[in-house]
Amino acid sequence: MGASLSRPGSAAPLLEIRGLVKHFPLTAPIGAKRPVVRAVDGIDFRVFAGETLGVVGESGCGKSTTARLLMNLISPTAGEIIFDGCQVGSSQMPMKTFRRQVQMVFQDSYASLNPRLTIEDSVAFGPQVHGTPAREALARAHDLLARVGLEPGRFAGRYPHELSGGQRQRVNIARALALQPRVVILDEAVSALDKSVEAQVLNLLLDLKAEFGLTYIFISHDLHVVRYVSDRVMVMYLGEVVEVGPAEQLFESPRHPYTQALTQSMPSMDPDHRTEHVPLAGDPPNPIDPPTGCRFHPRCPQAAPVCSQKAPSLAGPHPADAVSCLMHAADSGHPLAGTTASGARS
């Protein structure tokens, strides 16, 4: 587990996302209204200094799009990003200043490295762009390569194709740290690695977090990994946040039916806890034309008629621990609302 937090809702967040939206327009006949893919559809969440926020959900739920929006690799349709109390992209926090403090490690360790640059040049490139002298940037690159377990004397002059997948991902981690950021976004950073290598990289990430005082946003399909590294977990479904809360509480007593299905799908090595039925059936709805009301209601075993008519809001004890479900909203009209209202955990 990462650094423990006293109470996330009691301190100002380091990173706050408000009403973030990304719609991708599609082609349409002349004169017809252009449909859009609602990849991210109005999400709000907070990230606190020193924590690891895990982000989970099915493929297509908007996890990676959210990461790219945070880095401004794609432009948002709407919404704002507040970093350390300043709006990103404004005169208070220009994008170049923001990117010095927030870096990203991508899933594809090979495609994210320039094949024409040596390892040392790849790591030193960022600091040089931001004004660090070449000699100092190379010295920093060598230091970081050593910290991630790649001996500079052996690896600094190599090219990406000469390294294994795990070694390339260590290079990407070193490159992300070269600008001395405060936040690192890890988008499926270990999912393409063998399990033994994955364990090494995860332990490396935890060590680096403690050493440099980092804050992580950790995106992954692997719920076991997310549980291991995260302080809090955010669950996304069809472009929306459906639940967020402390990692252990969320895995031990999930509140949203979708989160319950996700946790029940986790494979277990215990023969007494075999999965004997499918926790969740069907495919996610079309993001071009999502269902009315709660977007999960067509697949939800606790769905009631009101779920197709009324969209729930993300609410709970505080913004860092909340759920978006009519069963947890008082006077919502759902028949189970009386037993689970106010977002309390069972």
Foldseek 3Di string as FASTA:
>chain_A
DWDADDDVQVDDFQKKWFQWWAWAWDDDPPPDDTFTQGQAGTEIAGFHFRFEEEEEEDPSLNPVVVVCCQLPVDDTPDIWMAGRNHTECDPVHDSLNVLLAEEEQEAQLQVVFDQVDALLCLLLVVVVVVPDDSVVSSVLSQVQCVLLPHHCVPGRGHGPVVDDRLSSLSSSVSSRCSSVHQEYEYANSQVVDDPVSSVSVLVSVSVVCVVSSHYYHYYDHQLVSCLVRGQKYWYGGLNYTFWIEGSVLCLVFNDDLVSVQSSLPHDDPDPVNHNPDRSWDDDQDRSSDAQAADSCQVTGPQHDPLRRHHHFDWFAPGSRGTGGDLLQDPPSPRPNVVVRHRPDTD
